[in-house]
Amino acid sequence: KGWLLWPPIPYAYDTVVDRPGAAPLPPNGENLLGTDDTK
């Protein structure tokens, strides 16, 4: 058995968020400050 230790925010500055909807997306529990116009 293996494991992964993730950082508190599992996104880099250039990571595209996999969320439904048109960008920019509003803040939620996954993206505390929302997303920009390229998700």
PDB file of all heavy atoms in Angstrom:
ATOM      1  N   LYS A   1       0.827  -1.203   0.000  1.00  0.00           N
ATOM      2  CA  LYS A   1       0.000   0.000   0.000  1.00  0.00           C
ATOM      3  C   LYS A   1       0.863   1.256   0.000  1.00  0.00           C
ATOM      4  O   LYS A   1       1.830   1.370   0.764  1.00  0.00           O
ATOM      5  CB  LYS A   1      -0.919  -0.004   1.217  1.00  0.00           C
ATOM      6  CG  LYS A   1      -1.874   1.166   1.254  1.00  0.00           C
ATOM      7  CD  LYS A   1      -2.733   1.127   2.511  1.00  0.00           C
ATOM      8  CE  LYS A   1      -3.626   2.357   2.592  1.00  0.00           C
ATOM      9  NZ  LYS A   1      -4.428   2.364   3.837  1.00  0.00           N
ATOM     10  N   GLY A   2       0.506   2.197  -0.856  1.00  0.00           N
ATOM     11  CA  GLY A   2       1.196   3.474  -0.921  1.00  0.00           C
ATOM     12  C   GLY A   2       0.294   4.615  -0.506  1.00  0.00           C
ATOM     13  O   GLY A   2      -0.886   4.422  -0.178  1.00  0.00           O
ATOM     14  N   TRP A   3       0.824   5.814  -0.500  1.00  0.00           N
ATOM     15  CA  TRP A   3       0.035   6.990  -0.130  1.00  0.00           C
ATOM     16  C   TRP A   3       0.629   8.225  -0.780  1.00  0.00           C
ATOM     17  O   TRP A   3       1.772   8.226  -1.258  1.00  0.00           O
ATOM     18  CB  TRP A   3      -0.037   7.165   1.394  1.00  0.00           C
ATOM     19  CG  TRP A   3       1.276   7.017   2.120  1.00  0.00           C
ATOM     20  CD1 TRP A   3       1.756   5.894   2.724  1.00  0.00           C
ATOM     21  CD2 TRP A   3       2.289   8.027   2.282  1.00  0.00           C
ATOM     22  NE1 TRP A   3       2.988   6.128   3.271  1.00  0.00           N
ATOM     23  CE2 TRP A   3       3.336   7.436   3.032  1.00  0.00           C
ATOM     24  CE3 TRP A   3       2.422   9.355   1.891  1.00  0.00           C
ATOM     25  CZ2 TRP A   3       4.495   8.127   3.367  1.00  0.00           C
ATOM     26  CZ3 TRP A   3       3.560  10.059   2.230  1.00  0.00           C
ATOM     27  CH2 TRP A   3       4.583   9.440   2.967  1.00  0.00           C
ATOM     28  N   LEU A   4      -0.169   9.300  -0.776  1.00  0.00           N
ATOM     29  CA  LEU A   4       0.247  10.593  -1.337  1.00  0.00           C
ATOM     30  C   LEU A   4      -0.020  11.673  -0.297  1.00  0.00           C
ATOM     31  O   LEU A   4      -1.094  11.714   0.307  1.00  0.00           O
ATOM     32  CB  LEU A   4      -0.508  10.931  -2.626  1.00  0.00           C
ATOM     33  CG  LEU A   4      -0.382   9.976  -3.813  1.00  0.00           C
ATOM     34  CD1 LEU A   4      -1.488   8.923  -3.761  1.00  0.00           C
ATOM     35  CD2 LEU A   4      -0.459  10.753  -5.135  1.00  0.00           C
ATOM     36  N   LEU A   5       0.946  12.550  -0.080  1.00  0.00           N
ATOM     37  CA  LEU A   5       0.788  13.694   0.816  1.00  0.00           C
ATOM     38  C   LEU A   5       0.660  14.958  -0.032  1.00  0.00           C
ATOM     39  O   LEU A   5       1.631  15.409  -0.644  1.00  0.00           O
ATOM     40  CB  LEU A   5       1.983  13.813   1.767  1.00  0.00           C
ATOM     41  CG  LEU A   5       1.970  15.008   2.731  1.00  0.00           C
ATOM     42  CD1 LEU A   5       0.758  14.946   3.653  1.00  0.00           C
ATOM     43  CD2 LEU A   5       3.263  15.088   3.533  1.00  0.00           C
ATOM     44  N   TRP A   6      -0.554  15.524  -0.060  1.00  0.00           N
ATOM     45  CA  TRP A   6      -0.833  16.677  -0.911  1.00  0.00           C
ATOM     46  C   TRP A   6      -0.632  17.982  -0.139  1.00  0.00           C
ATOM     47  O   TRP A   6      -0.804  18.021   1.083  1.00  0.00           O
ATOM     48  CB  TRP A   6      -2.271  16.623  -1.425  1.00  0.00           C
ATOM     49  CG  TRP A   6      -2.508  15.575  -2.456  1.00  0.00           C
ATOM     50  CD1 TRP A   6      -2.957  14.305  -2.258  1.00  0.00           C
ATOM     51  CD2 TRP A   6      -2.276  15.709  -3.864  1.00  0.00           C
ATOM     52  NE1 TRP A   6      -3.023  13.630  -3.450  1.00  0.00           N
ATOM     53  CE2 TRP A   6      -2.618  14.476  -4.462  1.00  0.00           C
ATOM     54  CE3 TRP A   6      -1.826  16.742  -4.685  1.00  0.00           C
ATOM     55  CZ2 TRP A   6      -2.518  14.247  -5.819  1.00  0.00           C
ATOM     56  CZ3 TRP A   6      -1.726  16.521  -6.044  1.00  0.00           C
ATOM     57  CH2 TRP A   6      -2.069  15.285  -6.596  1.00  0.00           C
ATOM     58  N   PRO A   7      -0.276  19.065  -0.829  1.00  0.00           N
ATOM     59  CA  PRO A   7      -0.228  20.385  -0.171  1.00  0.00           C
ATOM     60  C   PRO A   7      -1.634  20.861   0.171  1.00  0.00           C
ATOM     61  O   PRO A   7      -2.625  20.307  -0.327  1.00  0.00           O
ATOM     62  CB  PRO A   7       0.443  21.282  -1.225  1.00  0.00           C
ATOM     63  CG  PRO A   7       0.236  20.588  -2.521  1.00  0.00           C
ATOM     64  CD  PRO A   7       0.166  19.123  -2.229  1.00  0.00           C
ATOM     65  N   PRO A   8      -1.756  21.895   1.020  1.00  0.00           N
ATOM     66  CA  PRO A   8      -3.097  22.378   1.386  1.00  0.00           C
ATOM     67  C   PRO A   8      -3.947  22.801   0.194  1.00  0.00           C
ATOM     68  O   PRO A   8      -5.164  22.619   0.202  1.00  0.00           O
ATOM     69  CB  PRO A   8      -2.803  23.570   2.312  1.00  0.00           C
ATOM     70  CG  PRO A   8      -1.423  23.322   2.828  1.00  0.00           C
ATOM     71  CD  PRO A   8      -0.694  22.612   1.743  1.00  0.00           C
ATOM     72  N   ILE A   9      -3.312  23.382  -0.832  1.00  0.00           N
ATOM     73  CA  ILE A   9      -4.023  23.786  -2.050  1.00  0.00           C
ATOM     74  C   ILE A   9      -3.526  22.890  -3.179  1.00  0.00           C
ATOM     75  O   ILE A   9      -2.385  23.025  -3.630  1.00  0.00           O
ATOM     76  CB  ILE A   9      -3.770  25.263  -2.381  1.00  0.00           C
ATOM     77  CG1 ILE A   9      -4.155  26.147  -1.193  1.00  0.00           C
ATOM     78  CG2 ILE A   9      -4.544  25.689  -3.629  1.00  0.00           C
ATOM     79  CD1 ILE A   9      -3.749  27.592  -1.350  1.00  0.00           C
ATOM     80  N   PRO A  10      -4.337  21.949  -3.643  1.00  0.00           N
ATOM     81  CA  PRO A  10      -3.848  20.974  -4.636  1.00  0.00           C
ATOM     82  C   PRO A  10      -3.815  21.522  -6.058  1.00  0.00           C
ATOM     83  O   PRO A  10      -4.129  20.800  -7.012  1.00  0.00           O
ATOM     84  CB  PRO A  10      -4.849  19.824  -4.494  1.00  0.00           C
ATOM     85  CG  PRO A  10      -6.112  20.485  -4.088  1.00  0.00           C
ATOM     86  CD  PRO A  10      -5.727  21.655  -3.225  1.00  0.00           C
ATOM     87  N   TYR A  11      -3.451  22.779  -6.221  1.00  0.00           N
ATOM     88  CA  TYR A  11      -3.366  23.390  -7.544  1.00  0.00           C
ATOM     89  C   TYR A  11      -2.115  24.264  -7.605  1.00  0.00           C
ATOM     90  O   TYR A  11      -1.801  24.981  -6.641  1.00  0.00           O
ATOM     91  CB  TYR A  11      -4.591  24.273  -7.845  1.00  0.00           C
ATOM     92  CG  TYR A  11      -5.918  23.564  -7.724  1.00  0.00           C
ATOM     93  CD1 TYR A  11      -6.738  23.783  -6.623  1.00  0.00           C
ATOM     94  CD2 TYR A  11      -6.351  22.680  -8.704  1.00  0.00           C
ATOM     95  CE1 TYR A  11      -7.956  23.143  -6.502  1.00  0.00           C
ATOM     96  CE2 TYR A  11      -7.573  22.025  -8.590  1.00  0.00           C
ATOM     97  CZ  TYR A  11      -8.362  22.260  -7.492  1.00  0.00           C
ATOM     98  OH  TYR A  11      -9.564  21.614  -7.362  1.00  0.00           O
ATOM     99  N   ALA A  12      -1.415  24.222  -8.723  1.00  0.00           N
ATOM    100  CA  ALA A  12      -0.349  25.177  -8.983  1.00  0.00           C
ATOM    101  C   ALA A  12      -0.950  26.418  -9.633  1.00  0.00           C
ATOM    102  O   ALA A  12      -2.149  26.482  -9.911  1.00  0.00           O
ATOM    103  CB  ALA A  12       0.720  24.549  -9.875  1.00  0.00           C
ATOM    104  N   TYR A  13      -0.104  27.415  -9.869  1.00  0.00           N
ATOM    105  CA  TYR A  13      -0.624  28.667 -10.427  1.00  0.00           C
ATOM    106  C   TYR A  13      -1.112  28.504 -11.862  1.00  0.00           C
ATOM    107  O   TYR A  13      -1.889  29.326 -12.358  1.00  0.00           O
ATOM    108  CB  TYR A  13       0.441  29.757 -10.356  1.00  0.00           C
ATOM    109  CG  TYR A  13       1.659  29.502 -11.212  1.00  0.00           C
ATOM    110  CD1 TYR A  13       1.718  29.908 -12.535  1.00  0.00           C
ATOM    111  CD2 TYR A  13       2.772  28.857 -10.681  1.00  0.00           C
ATOM    112  CE1 TYR A  13       2.837  29.669 -13.317  1.00  0.00           C
ATOM    113  CE2 TYR A  13       3.890  28.615 -11.449  1.00  0.00           C
ATOM    114  CZ  TYR A  13       3.913  29.030 -12.764  1.00  0.00           C
ATOM    115  OH  TYR A  13       5.032  28.787 -13.533  1.00  0.00           O
ATOM    116  N   ASP A  14      -0.669  27.440 -12.550  1.00  0.00           N
ATOM    117  CA  ASP A  14      -1.075  27.233 -13.938  1.00  0.00           C
ATOM    118  C   ASP A  14      -1.949  25.997 -14.115  1.00  0.00           C
ATOM    119  O   ASP A  14      -2.175  25.552 -15.245  1.00  0.00           O
ATOM    120  CB  ASP A  14       0.152  27.122 -14.831  1.00  0.00           C
ATOM    121  CG  ASP A  14       1.108  26.018 -14.375  1.00  0.00           C
ATOM    122  OD1 ASP A  14       0.899  25.458 -13.278  1.00  0.00           O
ATOM    123  OD2 ASP A  14       2.080  25.736 -15.105  1.00  0.00           O
ATOM    124  N   THR A  15      -2.452  25.426 -13.022  1.00  0.00           N
ATOM    125  CA  THR A  15      -3.289  24.227 -13.102  1.00  0.00           C
ATOM    126  C   THR A  15      -4.718  24.613 -13.473  1.00  0.00           C
ATOM    127  O   THR A  15      -5.303  25.519 -12.857  1.00  0.00           O
ATOM    128  CB  THR A  15      -3.299  23.478 -11.763  1.00  0.00           C
ATOM    129  OG1 THR A  15      -1.951  23.183 -11.390  1.00  0.00           O
ATOM    130  CG2 THR A  15      -4.094  22.191 -11.865  1.00  0.00           C
ATOM    131  N   VAL A  16      -5.272  23.940 -14.460  1.00  0.00           N
ATOM    132  CA  VAL A  16      -6.655  24.156 -14.857  1.00  0.00           C
ATOM    133  C   VAL A  16      -7.556  23.321 -13.949  1.00  0.00           C
ATOM    134  O   VAL A  16      -7.380  22.107 -13.822  1.00  0.00           O
ATOM    135  CB  VAL A  16      -6.877  23.778 -16.338  1.00  0.00           C
ATOM    136  CG1 VAL A  16      -8.343  23.959 -16.721  1.00  0.00           C
ATOM    137  CG2 VAL A  16      -5.980  24.617 -17.236  1.00  0.00           C
ATOM    138  N   VAL A  17      -8.509  23.986 -13.299  1.00  0.00           N
ATOM    139  CA  VAL A  17      -9.381  23.329 -12.341  1.00  0.00           C
ATOM    140  C   VAL A  17     -10.463  22.542 -13.079  1.00  0.00           C
ATOM    141  O   VAL A  17     -11.058  23.047 -14.048  1.00  0.00           O
ATOM    142  CB  VAL A  17     -10.022  24.367 -11.394  1.00  0.00           C
ATOM    143  CG1 VAL A  17     -11.000  23.709 -10.434  1.00  0.00           C
ATOM    144  CG2 VAL A  17      -8.935  25.097 -10.625  1.00  0.00           C
ATOM    145  N   ASP A  18     -10.692  21.335 -12.627  1.00  0.00           N
ATOM    146  CA  ASP A  18     -11.715  20.482 -13.241  1.00  0.00           C
ATOM    147  C   ASP A  18     -13.038  20.688 -12.499  1.00  0.00           C
ATOM    148  O   ASP A  18     -13.406  19.927 -11.608  1.00  0.00           O
ATOM    149  CB  ASP A  18     -11.274  19.017 -13.180  1.00  0.00           C
ATOM    150  CG  ASP A  18     -12.233  18.107 -13.947  1.00  0.00           C
ATOM    151  OD1 ASP A  18     -13.053  18.631 -14.716  1.00  0.00           O
ATOM    152  OD2 ASP A  18     -12.161  16.871 -13.749  1.00  0.00           O
ATOM    153  N   ARG A  19     -13.725  21.771 -12.864  1.00  0.00           N
ATOM    154  CA  ARG A  19     -15.037  22.083 -12.287  1.00  0.00           C
ATOM    155  C   ARG A  19     -16.012  22.407 -13.402  1.00  0.00           C
ATOM    156  O   ARG A  19     -15.643  23.074 -14.388  1.00  0.00           O
ATOM    157  CB  ARG A  19     -14.961  23.294 -11.341  1.00  0.00           C
ATOM    158  CG  ARG A  19     -14.528  22.996  -9.926  1.00  0.00           C
ATOM    159  CD  ARG A  19     -14.443  24.268  -9.111  1.00  0.00           C
ATOM    160  NE  ARG A  19     -15.724  24.959  -9.042  1.00  0.00           N
ATOM    161  CZ  ARG A  19     -15.876  26.183  -8.500  1.00  0.00           C
ATOM    162  NH1 ARG A  19     -14.828  26.817  -8.012  1.00  0.00           N
ATOM    163  NH2 ARG A  19     -17.067  26.742  -8.479  1.00  0.00           N
ATOM    164  N   PRO A  20     -17.241  21.951 -13.286  1.00  0.00           N
ATOM    165  CA  PRO A  20     -18.224  22.286 -14.325  1.00  0.00           C
ATOM    166  C   PRO A  20     -18.605  23.753 -14.261  1.00  0.00           C
ATOM    167  O   PRO A  20     -18.551  24.393 -13.209  1.00  0.00           O
ATOM    168  CB  PRO A  20     -19.411  21.378 -13.984  1.00  0.00           C
ATOM    169  CG  PRO A  20     -19.279  21.120 -12.520  1.00  0.00           C
ATOM    170  CD  PRO A  20     -17.818  21.089 -12.234  1.00  0.00           C
ATOM    171  N   GLY A  21     -18.977  24.298 -15.388  1.00  0.00           N
ATOM    172  CA  GLY A  21     -19.401  25.685 -15.450  1.00  0.00           C
ATOM    173  C   GLY A  21     -18.447  26.525 -16.273  1.00  0.00           C
ATOM    174  O   GLY A  21     -17.334  26.114 -16.616  1.00  0.00           O
ATOM    175  N   ALA A  22     -18.930  27.724 -16.609  1.00  0.00           N
ATOM    176  CA  ALA A  22     -18.139  28.650 -17.421  1.00  0.00           C
ATOM    177  C   ALA A  22     -17.240  29.492 -16.533  1.00  0.00           C
ATOM    178  O   ALA A  22     -17.653  29.986 -15.478  1.00  0.00           O
ATOM    179  CB  ALA A  22     -19.069  29.554 -18.239  1.00  0.00           C
ATOM    180  N   ALA A  23     -15.991  29.648 -16.936  1.00  0.00           N
ATOM    181  CA  ALA A  23     -15.040  30.470 -16.188  1.00  0.00           C
ATOM    182  C   ALA A  23     -15.332  31.952 -16.432  1.00  0.00           C
ATOM    183  O   ALA A  23     -15.834  32.324 -17.498  1.00  0.00           O
ATOM    184  CB  ALA A  23     -13.623  30.138 -16.619  1.00  0.00           C
ATOM    185  N   PRO A  24     -15.015  32.791 -15.428  1.00  0.00           N
ATOM    186  CA  PRO A  24     -14.459  32.487 -14.106  1.00  0.00           C
ATOM    187  C   PRO A  24     -15.511  31.923 -13.144  1.00  0.00           C
ATOM    188  O   PRO A  24     -16.659  32.363 -13.150  1.00  0.00           O
ATOM    189  CB  PRO A  24     -13.939  33.839 -13.623  1.00  0.00           C
ATOM    190  CG  PRO A  24     -14.761  34.852 -14.350  1.00  0.00           C
ATOM    191  CD  PRO A  24     -15.111  34.254 -15.668  1.00  0.00           C
ATOM    192  N   LEU A  25     -15.071  30.972 -12.334  1.00  0.00           N
ATOM    193  CA  LEU A  25     -15.977  30.289 -11.413  1.00  0.00           C
ATOM    194  C   LEU A  25     -15.920  30.939 -10.038  1.00  0.00           C
ATOM    195  O   LEU A  25     -14.845  31.360  -9.581  1.00  0.00           O
ATOM    196  CB  LEU A  25     -15.589  28.818 -11.303  1.00  0.00           C
ATOM    197  CG  LEU A  25     -15.707  28.004 -12.598  1.00  0.00           C
ATOM    198  CD1 LEU A  25     -15.088  26.628 -12.413  1.00  0.00           C
ATOM    199  CD2 LEU A  25     -17.161  27.883 -13.023  1.00  0.00           C
ATOM    200  N   PRO A  26     -17.032  31.035  -9.331  1.00  0.00           N
ATOM    201  CA  PRO A  26     -17.066  31.709  -8.021  1.00  0.00           C
ATOM    202  C   PRO A  26     -16.373  30.875  -6.952  1.00  0.00           C
ATOM    203  O   PRO A  26     -16.130  29.670  -7.131  1.00  0.00           O
ATOM    204  CB  PRO A  26     -18.570  31.840  -7.750  1.00  0.00           C
ATOM    205  CG  PRO A  26     -19.191  30.725  -8.512  1.00  0.00           C
ATOM    206  CD  PRO A  26     -18.362  30.549  -9.743  1.00  0.00           C
ATOM    207  N   PRO A  27     -16.050  31.482  -5.817  1.00  0.00           N
ATOM    208  CA  PRO A  27     -15.407  30.740  -4.723  1.00  0.00           C
ATOM    209  C   PRO A  27     -16.310  29.640  -4.181  1.00  0.00           C
ATOM    210  O   PRO A  27     -17.534  29.770  -4.143  1.00  0.00           O
ATOM    211  CB  PRO A  27     -15.157  31.826  -3.665  1.00  0.00           C
ATOM    212  CG  PRO A  27     -15.182  33.122  -4.414  1.00  0.00           C
ATOM    213  CD  PRO A  27     -16.154  32.924  -5.528  1.00  0.00           C
ATOM    214  N   ASN A  28     -15.677  28.545  -3.762  1.00  0.00           N
ATOM    215  CA  ASN A  28     -16.367  27.450  -3.078  1.00  0.00           C
ATOM    216  C   ASN A  28     -15.353  26.751  -2.183  1.00  0.00           C
ATOM    217  O   ASN A  28     -14.238  27.236  -1.972  1.00  0.00           O
ATOM    218  CB  ASN A  28     -17.027  26.493  -4.078  1.00  0.00           C
ATOM    219  CG  ASN A  28     -16.018  25.747  -4.932  1.00  0.00           C
ATOM    220  OD1 ASN A  28     -14.815  25.999  -4.864  1.00  0.00           O
ATOM    221  ND2 ASN A  28     -16.492  24.818  -5.735  1.00  0.00           N
ATOM    222  N   GLY A  29     -15.723  25.594  -1.641  1.00  0.00           N
ATOM    223  CA  GLY A  29     -14.815  24.876  -0.765  1.00  0.00           C
ATOM    224  C   GLY A  29     -13.582  24.361  -1.456  1.00  0.00           C
ATOM    225  O   GLY A  29     -12.548  24.140  -0.820  1.00  0.00           O
ATOM    226  N   GLU A  30     -13.638  24.163  -2.761  1.00  0.00           N
ATOM    227  CA  GLU A  30     -12.487  23.668  -3.511  1.00  0.00           C
ATOM    228  C   GLU A  30     -11.567  24.793  -3.943  1.00  0.00           C
ATOM    229  O   GLU A  30     -10.340  24.642  -3.922  1.00  0.00           O
ATOM    230  CB  GLU A  30     -12.986  22.897  -4.742  1.00  0.00           C
ATOM    231  CG  GLU A  30     -11.889  22.202  -5.527  1.00  0.00           C
ATOM    232  CD  GLU A  30     -12.446  21.423  -6.709  1.00  0.00           C
ATOM    233  OE1 GLU A  30     -13.693  21.315  -6.823  1.00  0.00           O
ATOM    234  OE2 GLU A  30     -11.645  20.920  -7.516  1.00  0.00           O
ATOM    235  N   ASN A  31     -12.121  25.924  -4.352  1.00  0.00           N
ATOM    236  CA  ASN A  31     -11.354  27.113  -4.744  1.00  0.00           C
ATOM    237  C   ASN A  31     -11.822  28.270  -3.875  1.00  0.00           C
ATOM    238  O   ASN A  31     -12.858  28.880  -4.138  1.00  0.00           O
ATOM    239  CB  ASN A  31     -11.560  27.429  -6.226  1.00  0.00           C
ATOM    240  CG  ASN A  31     -11.297  26.237  -7.129  1.00  0.00           C
ATOM    241  OD1 ASN A  31     -12.229  25.667  -7.690  1.00  0.00           O
ATOM    242  ND2 ASN A  31     -10.040  25.845  -7.246  1.00  0.00           N
ATOM    243  N   LEU A  32     -11.041  28.575  -2.847  1.00  0.00           N
ATOM    244  CA  LEU A  32     -11.479  29.528  -1.821  1.00  0.00           C
ATOM    245  C   LEU A  32     -11.676  30.936  -2.378  1.00  0.00           C
ATOM    246  O   LEU A  32     -12.506  31.685  -1.869  1.00  0.00           O
ATOM    247  CB  LEU A  32     -10.471  29.557  -0.670  1.00  0.00           C
ATOM    248  CG  LEU A  32     -10.295  28.229   0.081  1.00  0.00           C
ATOM    249  CD1 LEU A  32      -9.268  28.390   1.195  1.00  0.00           C
ATOM    250  CD2 LEU A  32     -11.627  27.747   0.633  1.00  0.00           C
ATOM    251  N   LEU A  33     -10.911  31.313  -3.395  1.00  0.00           N
ATOM    252  CA  LEU A  33     -11.046  32.628  -4.016  1.00  0.00           C
ATOM    253  C   LEU A  33     -11.538  32.528  -5.454  1.00  0.00           C
ATOM    254  O   LEU A  33     -11.420  33.481  -6.222  1.00  0.00           O
ATOM    255  CB  LEU A  33      -9.708  33.382  -3.972  1.00  0.00           C
ATOM    256  CG  LEU A  33      -9.183  33.741  -2.583  1.00  0.00           C
ATOM    257  CD1 LEU A  33      -7.845  34.466  -2.674  1.00  0.00           C
ATOM    258  CD2 LEU A  33     -10.191  34.596  -1.821  1.00  0.00           C
ATOM    259  N   GLY A  34     -12.100  31.393  -5.814  1.00  0.00           N
ATOM    260  CA  GLY A  34     -12.622  31.217  -7.159  1.00  0.00           C
ATOM    261  C   GLY A  34     -11.522  30.942  -8.167  1.00  0.00           C
ATOM    262  O   GLY A  34     -10.371  30.662  -7.831  1.00  0.00           O
ATOM    263  N   THR A  35     -11.904  31.028  -9.445  1.00  0.00           N
ATOM    264  CA  THR A  35     -10.945  30.825 -10.534  1.00  0.00           C
ATOM    265  C   THR A  35     -10.962  32.040 -11.452  1.00  0.00           C
ATOM    266  O   THR A  35     -11.892  32.857 -11.428  1.00  0.00           O
ATOM    267  CB  THR A  35     -11.290  29.566 -11.350  1.00  0.00           C
ATOM    268  OG1 THR A  35     -12.521  29.782 -12.064  1.00  0.00           O
ATOM    269  CG2 THR A  35     -11.443  28.355 -10.442  1.00  0.00           C
ATOM    270  N   ASP A  36      -9.921  32.144 -12.277  1.00  0.00           N
ATOM    271  CA  ASP A  36      -9.881  33.232 -13.243  1.00  0.00           C
ATOM    272  C   ASP A  36     -10.582  32.797 -14.523  1.00  0.00           C
ATOM    273  O   ASP A  36     -11.260  31.763 -14.572  1.00  0.00           O
ATOM    274  CB  ASP A  36      -8.439  33.679 -13.488  1.00  0.00           C
ATOM    275  CG  ASP A  36      -7.584  32.548 -14.046  1.00  0.00           C
ATOM    276  OD1 ASP A  36      -8.128  31.475 -14.373  1.00  0.00           O
ATOM    277  OD2 ASP A  36      -6.363  32.740 -14.162  1.00  0.00           O
ATOM    278  N   ASP A  37     -10.394  33.574 -15.592  1.00  0.00           N
ATOM    279  CA  ASP A  37     -11.134  33.289 -16.821  1.00  0.00           C
ATOM    280  C   ASP A  37     -10.580  32.107 -17.606  1.00  0.00           C
ATOM    281  O   ASP A  37     -11.121  31.756 -18.660  1.00  0.00           O
ATOM    282  CB  ASP A  37     -11.177  34.532 -17.718  1.00  0.00           C
ATOM    283  CG  ASP A  37      -9.798  35.055 -18.060  1.00  0.00           C
ATOM    284  OD1 ASP A  37      -8.803  34.398 -17.663  1.00  0.00           O
ATOM    285  OD2 ASP A  37      -9.706  36.114 -18.690  1.00  0.00           O
ATOM    286  N   THR A  38      -9.508  31.498 -17.130  1.00  0.00           N
ATOM    287  CA  THR A  38      -9.009  30.263 -17.743  1.00  0.00           C
ATOM    288  C   THR A  38      -9.068  29.089 -16.762  1.00  0.00           C
ATOM    289  O   THR A  38      -8.356  28.109 -16.931  1.00  0.00           O
ATOM    290  CB  THR A  38      -7.558  30.449 -18.248  1.00  0.00           C
ATOM    291  OG1 THR A  38      -6.734  30.867 -17.161  1.00  0.00           O
ATOM    292  CG2 THR A  38      -7.497  31.472 -19.359  1.00  0.00           C
ATOM    293  N   LYS A  39      -9.906  29.217 -15.735  1.00  0.00           N
ATOM    294  CA  LYS A  39     -10.138  28.167 -14.734  1.00  0.00           C
ATOM    295  C   LYS A  39      -8.877  27.808 -13.943  1.00  0.00           C
ATOM    296  O   LYS A  39      -8.652  26.652 -13.605  1.00  0.00           O
ATOM    297  CB  LYS A  39     -10.724  26.913 -15.381  1.00  0.00           C
ATOM    298  CG  LYS A  39     -12.208  27.017 -15.685  1.00  0.00           C
ATOM    299  CD  LYS A  39     -12.801  25.660 -16.013  1.00  0.00           C
ATOM    300  CE  LYS A  39     -14.318  25.754 -16.190  1.00  0.00           C
ATOM    301  NZ  LYS A  39     -14.934  24.437 -16.432  1.00  0.00           N
TER     302      LYS A  39
END
